[in-house]
C-alpha atoms as a PDB file:
ATOM      1  CA  MET A   1       7.626  79.382   0.800  1.00  0.00           C
ATOM      2  CA  ALA A   2       5.782  80.536  -2.307  1.00  0.00           C
ATOM      3  CA  SER A   3       7.718  80.367  -5.548  1.00  0.00           C
ATOM      4  CA  ALA A   4       8.442  83.543  -7.485  1.00  0.00           C
ATOM      5  CA  PRO A   5       5.860  84.405 -10.117  1.00  0.00           C
ATOM      6  CA  GLU A   6       6.781  83.405 -13.651  1.00  0.00           C
ATOM      7  CA  TYR A   7       6.373  86.286 -16.057  1.00  0.00           C
ATOM      8  CA  THR A   8       6.003  85.860 -19.795  1.00  0.00           C
ATOM      9  CA  ALA A   9       6.427  88.172 -22.759  1.00  0.00           C
ATOM     10  CA  PRO A  10       4.601  86.531 -25.684  1.00  0.00           C
ATOM     11  CA  ALA A  11       5.839  88.985 -28.334  1.00  0.00           C
ATOM     12  CA  LEU A  12       9.427  88.552 -27.184  1.00  0.00           C
ATOM     13  CA  ASP A  13       9.035  84.771 -27.232  1.00  0.00           C
ATOM     14  CA  LYS A  14       7.788  84.958 -30.817  1.00  0.00           C
ATOM     15  CA  GLY A  15      10.715  87.142 -31.853  1.00  0.00           C
ATOM     16  CA  LEU A  16      13.285  84.878 -30.234  1.00  0.00           C
ATOM     17  CA  ASP A  17      11.682  81.776 -31.749  1.00  0.00           C
ATOM     18  CA  ILE A  18      11.925  83.373 -35.202  1.00  0.00           C
ATOM     19  CA  LEU A  19      15.557  84.411 -34.738  1.00  0.00           C
ATOM     20  CA  GLU A  20      16.556  80.964 -33.478  1.00  0.00           C
ATOM     21  CA  LEU A  21      14.722  79.295 -36.357  1.00  0.00           C
ATOM     22  CA  LEU A  22      16.409  81.448 -39.004  1.00  0.00           C
ATOM     23  CA  ALA A  23      19.813  80.949 -37.334  1.00  0.00           C
ATOM     24  CA  GLU A  24      19.412  77.178 -37.645  1.00  0.00           C
ATOM     25  CA  THR A  25      18.177  77.306 -41.259  1.00  0.00           C
ATOM     26  CA  SER A  26      20.640  77.373 -44.149  1.00  0.00           C
ATOM     27  CA  GLY A  27      18.177  78.784 -46.688  1.00  0.00           C
ATOM     28  CA  ALA A  28      15.455  81.422 -46.714  1.00  0.00           C
ATOM     29  CA  LEU A  29      11.952  80.822 -45.344  1.00  0.00           C
ATOM     30  CA  SER A  30       8.554  82.161 -46.257  1.00  0.00           C
ATOM     31  CA  GLN A  31       6.198  83.725 -43.733  1.00  0.00           C
ATOM     32  CA  SER A  32       3.997  80.620 -43.762  1.00  0.00           C
ATOM     33  CA  GLU A  33       7.010  78.327 -43.242  1.00  0.00           C
ATOM     34  CA  ILE A  34       8.122  80.407 -40.259  1.00  0.00           C
ATOM     35  CA  ALA A  35       4.608  80.321 -38.807  1.00  0.00           C
ATOM     36  CA  GLU A  36       4.389  76.548 -39.202  1.00  0.00           C
ATOM     37  CA  ALA A  37       7.872  75.892 -37.783  1.00  0.00           C
ATOM     38  CA  THR A  38       7.231  78.053 -34.712  1.00  0.00           C
ATOM     39  CA  GLY A  39       3.753  76.650 -34.143  1.00  0.00           C
ATOM     40  CA  ARG A  40       1.978  79.967 -34.660  1.00  0.00           C
ATOM     41  CA  SER A  41      -0.383  81.511 -37.162  1.00  0.00           C
ATOM     42  CA  ILE A  42       0.684  84.020 -39.809  1.00  0.00           C
ATOM     43  CA  GLY A  43      -1.360  86.653 -37.999  1.00  0.00           C
ATOM     44  CA  GLN A  44       0.566  86.001 -34.776  1.00  0.00           C
ATOM     45  CA  ILE A  45       4.005  86.498 -36.340  1.00  0.00           C
ATOM     46  CA  PHE A  46       3.254  89.194 -38.955  1.00  0.00           C
ATOM     47  CA  ARG A  47       3.942  92.201 -36.732  1.00  0.00           C
ATOM     48  CA  VAL A  48       6.921  90.526 -35.061  1.00  0.00           C
ATOM     49  CA  LEU A  49       8.512  89.822 -38.428  1.00  0.00           C
ATOM     50  CA  SER A  50       7.869  93.385 -39.542  1.00  0.00           C
ATOM     51  CA  THR A  51       9.553  94.732 -36.415  1.00  0.00           C
ATOM     52  CA  LEU A  52      12.542  92.405 -36.765  1.00  0.00           C
ATOM     53  CA  GLU A  53      12.927  93.484 -40.387  1.00  0.00           C
ATOM     54  CA  ARG A  54      12.662  97.176 -39.529  1.00  0.00           C
ATOM     55  CA  ARG A  55      15.266  96.823 -36.766  1.00  0.00           C
ATOM     56  CA  GLY A  56      17.681  94.974 -39.050  1.00  0.00           C
ATOM     57  CA  TYR A  57      17.569  91.540 -37.417  1.00  0.00           C
ATOM     58  CA  VAL A  58      16.020  89.776 -40.415  1.00  0.00           C
ATOM     59  CA  PHE A  59      16.211  90.460 -44.123  1.00  0.00           C
ATOM     60  CA  ARG A  60      13.211  90.089 -46.453  1.00  0.00           C
ATOM     61  CA  ASP A  61      13.858  89.673 -50.154  1.00  0.00           C
ATOM     62  CA  LYS A  62      11.527  92.072 -51.949  1.00  0.00           C
ATOM     63  CA  GLN A  63      10.963  89.791 -54.934  1.00  0.00           C
ATOM     64  CA  SER A  64      10.483  86.405 -53.276  1.00  0.00           C
ATOM     65  CA  GLY A  65       9.255  87.630 -49.888  1.00  0.00           C
ATOM     66  CA  LEU A  66      11.525  85.084 -48.190  1.00  0.00           C
ATOM     67  CA  TYR A  67      13.230  85.830 -44.881  1.00  0.00           C
ATOM     68  CA  THR A  68      16.831  85.227 -43.798  1.00  0.00           C
ATOM     69  CA  LEU A  69      18.778  86.189 -40.699  1.00  0.00           C
ATOM     70  CA  ALA A  70      20.618  89.494 -41.071  1.00  0.00           C
ATOM     71  CA  MET A  71      23.980  90.294 -39.461  1.00  0.00           C
ATOM     72  CA  LYS A  72      22.619  92.544 -36.695  1.00  0.00           C
ATOM     73  CA  LEU A  73      23.137  89.928 -33.966  1.00  0.00           C
ATOM     74  CA  LEU A  74      26.769  89.448 -34.960  1.00  0.00           C
ATOM     75  CA  GLU A  75      27.189  93.220 -34.999  1.00  0.00           C
ATOM     76  CA  LEU A  76      25.812  93.420 -31.449  1.00  0.00           C
ATOM     77  CA  ALA A  77      28.188  90.696 -30.299  1.00  0.00           C
ATOM     78  CA  HIS A  78      31.126  92.661 -31.662  1.00  0.00           C
ATOM     79  CA  ARG A  79      29.974  95.733 -29.716  1.00  0.00           C
ATOM     80  CA  HIS A  80      30.293  93.755 -26.480  1.00  0.00           C
ATOM     81  CA  PRO A  81      33.431  95.154 -24.777  1.00  0.00           C
ATOM     82  CA  PRO A  82      35.268  91.850 -23.995  1.00  0.00           C
ATOM     83  CA  LEU A  83      34.826  90.476 -27.525  1.00  0.00           C
ATOM     84  CA  ARG A  84      35.519  93.837 -29.165  1.00  0.00           C
ATOM     85  CA  GLY A  85      38.732  94.174 -27.164  1.00  0.00           C
ATOM     86  CA  LEU A  86      39.857  90.653 -28.024  1.00  0.00           C
ATOM     87  CA  VAL A  87      39.297  91.123 -31.750  1.00  0.00           C
ATOM     88  CA  SER A  88      40.948  94.555 -31.865  1.00  0.00           C
ATOM     89  CA  ILE A  89      44.044  93.188 -30.088  1.00  0.00           C
ATOM     90  CA  ALA A  90      44.214  90.007 -32.161  1.00  0.00           C
ATOM     91  CA  GLN A  91      43.529  91.390 -35.642  1.00  0.00           C
ATOM     92  CA  PRO A  92      46.922  93.059 -36.347  1.00  0.00           C
ATOM     93  CA  ILE A  93      48.812  90.085 -34.914  1.00  0.00           C
ATOM     94  CA  MET A  94      46.740  87.720 -37.036  1.00  0.00           C
ATOM     95  CA  GLN A  95      47.584  89.835 -40.081  1.00  0.00           C
ATOM     96  CA  VAL A  96      51.301  89.372 -39.403  1.00  0.00           C
ATOM     97  CA  LEU A  97      50.776  85.640 -38.818  1.00  0.00           C
ATOM     98  CA  ALA A  98      49.006  85.266 -42.159  1.00  0.00           C
ATOM     99  CA  GLU A  99      51.833  87.107 -43.923  1.00  0.00           C
ATOM    100  CA  GLN A 100      54.533  85.005 -42.270  1.00  0.00           C
ATOM    101  CA  ALA A 101      52.757  81.655 -42.621  1.00  0.00           C
ATOM    102  CA  ARG A 102      51.363  82.412 -46.090  1.00  0.00           C
ATOM    103  CA  GLN A 103      48.117  80.877 -44.863  1.00  0.00           C
ATOM    104  CA  SER A 104      44.791  82.203 -43.602  1.00  0.00           C
ATOM    105  CA  CYS A 105      44.012  82.234 -39.881  1.00  0.00           C
ATOM    106  CA  ASN A 106      40.958  82.730 -37.722  1.00  0.00           C
ATOM    107  CA  LEU A 107      39.999  83.480 -34.141  1.00  0.00           C
ATOM    108  CA  ALA A 108      37.241  81.565 -32.357  1.00  0.00           C
ATOM    109  CA  VAL A 109      35.544  81.585 -28.969  1.00  0.00           C
ATOM    110  CA  LEU A 110      33.304  79.203 -27.077  1.00  0.00           C
ATOM    111  CA  ASP A 111      29.603  79.801 -27.734  1.00  0.00           C
ATOM    112  CA  GLY A 112      27.608  77.313 -25.700  1.00  0.00           C
ATOM    113  CA  SER A 113      28.332  73.899 -27.195  1.00  0.00           C
ATOM    114  CA  GLU A 114      29.769  75.370 -30.389  1.00  0.00           C
ATOM    115  CA  VAL A 115      32.914  77.025 -31.680  1.00  0.00           C
ATOM    116  CA  ARG A 116      32.136  80.519 -33.018  1.00  0.00           C
ATOM    117  CA  VAL A 117      34.506  82.302 -35.426  1.00  0.00           C
ATOM    118  CA  VAL A 118      34.835  85.991 -34.505  1.00  0.00           C
ATOM    119  CA  ALA A 119      37.710  87.132 -36.742  1.00  0.00           C
ATOM    120  CA  GLN A 120      39.375  85.985 -39.958  1.00  0.00           C
ATOM    121  CA  VAL A 121      42.411  87.042 -41.996  1.00  0.00           C
ATOM    122  CA  GLU A 122      42.796  85.901 -45.588  1.00  0.00           C
ATOM    123  CA  SER A 123      45.899  84.141 -46.883  1.00  0.00           C
ATOM    124  CA  PRO A 124      48.189  86.507 -48.814  1.00  0.00           C
ATOM    125  CA  ALA A 125      49.146  83.595 -51.083  1.00  0.00           C
ATOM    126  CA  ASP A 126      47.219  82.565 -54.173  1.00  0.00           C
ATOM    127  CA  PHE A 127      45.527  79.805 -52.183  1.00  0.00           C
ATOM    128  CA  GLY A 128      44.113  79.404 -48.692  1.00  0.00           C
ATOM    129  CA  PHE A 129      41.165  78.108 -46.697  1.00  0.00           C
ATOM    130  CA  ARG A 130      38.646  80.756 -45.716  1.00  0.00           C
ATOM    131  CA  VAL A 131      36.276  80.522 -42.737  1.00  0.00           C
ATOM    132  CA  ARG A 132      33.362  82.942 -42.547  1.00  0.00           C
ATOM    133  CA  VAL A 133      33.156  85.232 -39.518  1.00  0.00           C
ATOM    134  CA  GLY A 134      30.115  84.147 -37.519  1.00  0.00           C
ATOM    135  CA  ALA A 135      30.377  80.513 -38.626  1.00  0.00           C
ATOM    136  CA  ALA A 136      29.769  77.887 -35.934  1.00  0.00           C
ATOM    137  CA  PHE A 137      31.311  74.430 -35.665  1.00  0.00           C
ATOM    138  CA  ASP A 138      30.866  71.448 -33.400  1.00  0.00           C
ATOM    139  CA  LEU A 139      32.868  71.691 -30.204  1.00  0.00           C
ATOM    140  CA  ALA A 140      33.462  67.961 -29.785  1.00  0.00           C
ATOM    141  CA  THR A 141      34.830  67.116 -33.235  1.00  0.00           C
ATOM    142  CA  THR A 142      37.174  70.011 -34.036  1.00  0.00           C
ATOM    143  CA  ALA A 143      40.754  70.756 -33.013  1.00  0.00           C
ATOM    144  CA  THR A 144      39.693  74.313 -32.188  1.00  0.00           C
ATOM    145  CA  GLY A 145      36.978  72.907 -29.926  1.00  0.00           C
ATOM    146  CA  ALA A 146      39.538  70.707 -28.153  1.00  0.00           C
ATOM    147  CA  VAL A 147      41.591  73.780 -27.323  1.00  0.00           C
ATOM    148  CA  LEU A 148      38.615  75.864 -26.174  1.00  0.00           C
ATOM    149  CA  SER A 149      37.271  73.098 -23.935  1.00  0.00           C
ATOM    150  CA  ALA A 150      40.641  72.121 -22.436  1.00  0.00           C
ATOM    151  CA  THR A 151      40.706  72.117 -18.643  1.00  0.00           C
ATOM    152  CA  SER A 152      44.204  73.613 -18.530  1.00  0.00           C
ATOM    153  CA  PRO A 153      46.292  75.775 -20.882  1.00  0.00           C
ATOM    154  CA  GLN A 154      48.947  73.026 -21.042  1.00  0.00           C
ATOM    155  CA  ALA A 155      46.386  70.484 -22.245  1.00  0.00           C
ATOM    156  CA  ALA A 156      45.429  72.807 -25.067  1.00  0.00           C
ATOM    157  CA  ASP A 157      48.932  73.768 -26.209  1.00  0.00           C
ATOM    158  CA  ALA A 158      50.058  73.084 -29.776  1.00  0.00           C
ATOM    159  CA  VAL A 159      47.132  71.099 -31.131  1.00  0.00           C
ATOM    160  CA  VAL A 160      47.809  69.936 -34.673  1.00  0.00           C
ATOM    161  CA  ARG A 161      45.511  67.474 -36.399  1.00  0.00           C
ATOM    162  CA  ALA A 162      43.723  66.755 -39.634  1.00  0.00           C
ATOM    163  CA  ASP A 163      40.459  68.623 -40.104  1.00  0.00           C
ATOM    164  CA  THR A 164      37.595  66.143 -39.741  1.00  0.00           C
ATOM    165  CA  MET A 165      35.329  67.996 -42.180  1.00  0.00           C
ATOM    166  CA  HIS A 166      37.763  69.110 -44.890  1.00  0.00           C
ATOM    167  CA  PRO A 167      40.226  66.583 -46.360  1.00  0.00           C
ATOM    168  CA  GLY A 168      43.626  68.086 -47.104  1.00  0.00           C
ATOM    169  CA  ILE A 169      43.385  70.653 -44.297  1.00  0.00           C
ATOM    170  CA  THR A 170      45.478  70.374 -41.133  1.00  0.00           C
ATOM    171  CA  ASP A 171      44.291  72.521 -38.241  1.00  0.00           C
ATOM    172  CA  VAL A 172      47.076  74.195 -36.292  1.00  0.00           C
ATOM    173  CA  VAL A 173      45.497  75.597 -33.125  1.00  0.00           C
ATOM    174  CA  ALA A 174      47.008  77.598 -30.262  1.00  0.00           C
ATOM    175  CA  PRO A 175      45.224  78.724 -27.076  1.00  0.00           C
ATOM    176  CA  ILE A 176      44.787  82.376 -26.142  1.00  0.00           C
ATOM    177  CA  LEU A 177      44.798  82.958 -22.414  1.00  0.00           C
ATOM    178  CA  GLY A 178      43.076  85.678 -20.434  1.00  0.00           C
ATOM    179  CA  ALA A 179      44.353  87.572 -17.424  1.00  0.00           C
ATOM    180  CA  ARG A 180      43.487  84.654 -15.102  1.00  0.00           C
ATOM    181  CA  GLY A 181      45.372  82.134 -17.212  1.00  0.00           C
ATOM    182  CA  THR A 182      42.265  80.429 -18.590  1.00  0.00           C
ATOM    183  CA  VAL A 183      41.649  79.713 -22.264  1.00  0.00           C
ATOM    184  CA  VAL A 184      39.426  82.483 -23.643  1.00  0.00           C
ATOM    185  CA  ALA A 185      39.889  81.963 -27.384  1.00  0.00           C
ATOM    186  CA  ALA A 186      41.685  79.855 -29.958  1.00  0.00           C
ATOM    187  CA  LEU A 187      43.860  80.943 -32.863  1.00  0.00           C
ATOM    188  CA  THR A 188      43.598  78.526 -35.781  1.00  0.00           C
ATOM    189  CA  VAL A 189      45.561  78.217 -39.004  1.00  0.00           C
ATOM    190  CA  PRO A 190      43.724  75.844 -41.388  1.00  0.00           C
ATOM    191  CA  TYR A 191      46.956  74.732 -43.043  1.00  0.00           C
ATOM    192  CA  VAL A 192      46.773  73.879 -46.746  1.00  0.00           C
ATOM    193  CA  ALA A 193      49.702  71.713 -47.844  1.00  0.00           C
ATOM    194  CA  ILE A 194      50.303  71.782 -51.588  1.00  0.00           C
ATOM    195  CA  ALA A 195      53.339  71.889 -53.847  1.00  0.00           C
ATOM    196  CA  PHE A 196      53.270  75.703 -53.744  1.00  0.00           C
ATOM    197  CA  SER A 197      53.169  76.007 -49.935  1.00  0.00           C
ATOM    198  CA  GLU A 198      55.963  78.380 -48.947  1.00  0.00           C
ATOM    199  CA  VAL A 199      56.105  77.556 -45.220  1.00  0.00           C
ATOM    200  CA  ASP A 200      56.060  74.052 -43.745  1.00  0.00           C
ATOM    201  CA  ALA A 201      53.638  72.914 -41.055  1.00  0.00           C
ATOM    202  CA  ASP A 202      56.231  72.837 -38.265  1.00  0.00           C
ATOM    203  CA  ARG A 203      57.136  76.479 -38.864  1.00  0.00           C
ATOM    204  CA  VAL A 204      53.465  77.448 -39.043  1.00  0.00           C
ATOM    205  CA  GLN A 205      52.949  75.783 -35.676  1.00  0.00           C
ATOM    206  CA  GLU A 206      55.788  77.871 -34.215  1.00  0.00           C
ATOM    207  CA  LEU A 207      54.366  81.069 -35.709  1.00  0.00           C
ATOM    208  CA  ALA A 208      50.832  80.341 -34.486  1.00  0.00           C
ATOM    209  CA  SER A 209      52.044  79.579 -30.954  1.00  0.00           C
ATOM    210  CA  ALA A 210      54.069  82.799 -30.875  1.00  0.00           C
ATOM    211  CA  ALA A 211      51.120  84.847 -32.156  1.00  0.00           C
ATOM    212  CA  ALA A 212      48.778  83.318 -29.568  1.00  0.00           C
ATOM    213  CA  LYS A 213      51.261  84.084 -26.774  1.00  0.00           C
ATOM    214  CA  GLU A 214      51.572  87.663 -27.993  1.00  0.00           C
ATOM    215  CA  ILE A 215      47.789  88.116 -27.982  1.00  0.00           C
ATOM    216  CA  SER A 216      47.592  86.478 -24.532  1.00  0.00           C
ATOM    217  CA  GLY A 217      50.251  88.828 -23.215  1.00  0.00           C
ATOM    218  CA  LEU A 218      48.412  91.895 -24.453  1.00  0.00           C
ATOM    219  CA  LEU A 219      45.137  90.656 -22.963  1.00  0.00           C
ATOM    220  CA  SER A 220      46.766  90.208 -19.558  1.00  0.00           C
ATOM    221  CA  GLY A 221      48.770  93.421 -19.793  1.00  0.00           C
ATOM    222  CA  GLU A 222      52.119  91.677 -20.048  1.00  0.00           C
ATOM    223  CA  ALA A 223      54.808  92.419 -22.624  1.00  0.00           C
ATOM    224  CA  PHE A 224      55.542  89.638 -25.093  1.00  0.00           C
ATOM    225  CA  THR A 225      59.213  88.585 -25.133  1.00  0.00           C
ATOM    226  CA  GLY A 226      59.099  85.729 -27.612  1.00  0.00           C
ATOM    227  CA  SER A 227      61.114  85.666 -30.828  1.00  0.00           C
END
């Protein structure tokens, strides 16, 4: 039996290579650096870069001419109905959690082999640990990753452990379950313990678990009856 023909789209390949390169680069890159890193000539990527800039996927600094990834991809992700629904349900509950815990909190989902932050609420206190929306972290070494990759909701419940990347931060993570009872997201409070902390870690754990259950209930269409 003959195999199906393999079609290629060279311009699309170039565009995706550029986007992936810029996503993996912390700083800005010049046109020649992008060409070299993608294994193409400047002439081959010039029009692709121009199109990506015009469509809002990359940003070109007018003075330096250097390129960085714009926020268009994140914007598209938030237009996706499942993610948009999750964030819209979670955001007001996260706001209440932040007020009660006097700490910041964030919402993350599984993105391949990474943890991707899709929502964030600042701490109402004078201190707090902020995580940028769109930031990605290693799945294997984070408490949030342990919850998202858990094989059962019970295995992911009430994860509390020191943050491996930020000394002084304790990650309090609770699973958010979808309609089928599987873990679809994780609610994390990066707990900062200092002399001025108004709420202790045990209480924050209770609040985070209750908030996650409330979000889970709304996602599955069930009323939340917790206190």
